[in-house]
Amino acid sequence: MKRSYRGVLLLCLVLFANLICTQYTVNLFYFARYKEVIALSLINLLLFPLALFFYKREAKP
């Protein structure tokens, strides 16, 4: 099963965005900016199923 570069690149970009959102969430929580923490947490929750979708689509034979 050969993977396409486009699918792997999209998956890497989504997971990188997930890491960035997680890091900003932790930093903003430390500085007690809770509205931004909730917004970034929601973005983070939306990015994970998107990454799972890309993975499932790419892993199809």
Protein backbone atom coordinates (compact mmCIF):
# COMPACT_ATOMS: atom_id res chain seq x y z
CA MET A 1 0.00 0.00 0.00
CA LYS A 2 1.67 3.19 -1.21
CA ARG A 3 0.79 6.50 0.37
CA SER A 4 0.46 9.72 -1.58
CA TYR A 5 2.55 12.73 -0.69
CA ARG A 6 -0.49 14.98 -0.62
CA GLY A 7 -2.31 12.92 2.02
CA VAL A 8 0.75 12.59 4.22
CA LEU A 9 1.48 16.31 3.93
CA LEU A 10 -2.11 17.23 4.83
CA LEU A 11 -2.01 14.91 7.82
CA CYS A 12 1.29 16.42 8.99
CA LEU A 13 -0.05 19.96 8.63
CA VAL A 14 -3.21 19.20 10.60
CA LEU A 15 -1.26 17.48 13.37
CA PHE A 16 1.21 20.38 13.48
CA ALA A 17 -1.70 22.82 13.83
CA ASN A 18 -3.01 20.60 16.62
CA LEU A 19 0.32 20.86 18.45
CA ILE A 20 0.39 24.64 18.04
CA CYS A 21 -3.15 25.01 19.40
CA THR A 22 -2.30 22.80 22.36
CA GLN A 23 0.80 24.84 23.16
CA TYR A 24 -1.08 28.15 22.95
CA THR A 25 -3.85 26.71 25.12
CA VAL A 26 -1.39 25.78 27.86
CA ASN A 27 0.35 29.17 27.67
CA LEU A 28 -2.88 31.16 27.76
CA PHE A 29 -4.22 29.07 30.64
CA TYR A 30 -1.10 29.97 32.60
CA PHE A 31 -1.86 33.67 32.07
CA ALA A 32 -5.56 33.21 32.97
CA ARG A 33 -7.00 34.19 29.58
CA TYR A 34 -9.86 31.74 29.74
CA LYS A 35 -11.93 32.92 26.76
CA GLU A 36 -9.02 32.29 24.43
CA VAL A 37 -8.35 28.95 26.13
CA ILE A 38 -11.89 27.80 25.43
CA ALA A 39 -11.71 28.96 21.80
CA LEU A 40 -8.39 27.20 21.19
CA SER A 41 -9.65 24.07 22.92
CA LEU A 42 -12.62 23.98 20.56
CA ILE A 43 -10.32 24.44 17.57
CA ASN A 44 -8.15 21.64 18.91
CA LEU A 45 -11.18 19.38 19.27
CA LEU A 46 -12.16 20.09 15.66
CA LEU A 47 -8.68 19.46 14.29
CA PHE A 48 -8.36 15.96 15.70
CA PRO A 49 -11.31 14.45 13.77
CA LEU A 50 -9.99 16.17 10.66
CA ALA A 51 -6.65 14.44 11.13
CA LEU A 52 -8.44 11.15 11.73
CA PHE A 53 -10.38 11.66 8.49
CA PHE A 54 -7.18 12.26 6.53
CA TYR A 55 -5.59 9.20 8.09
CA LYS A 56 -8.56 6.94 7.31
CA ARG A 57 -8.74 8.23 3.74
CA GLU A 58 -5.01 7.72 3.25
CA ALA A 59 -4.95 4.24 4.81
CA LYS A 60 -7.62 2.92 2.45
CA PRO A 61 -6.25 0.25 0.08
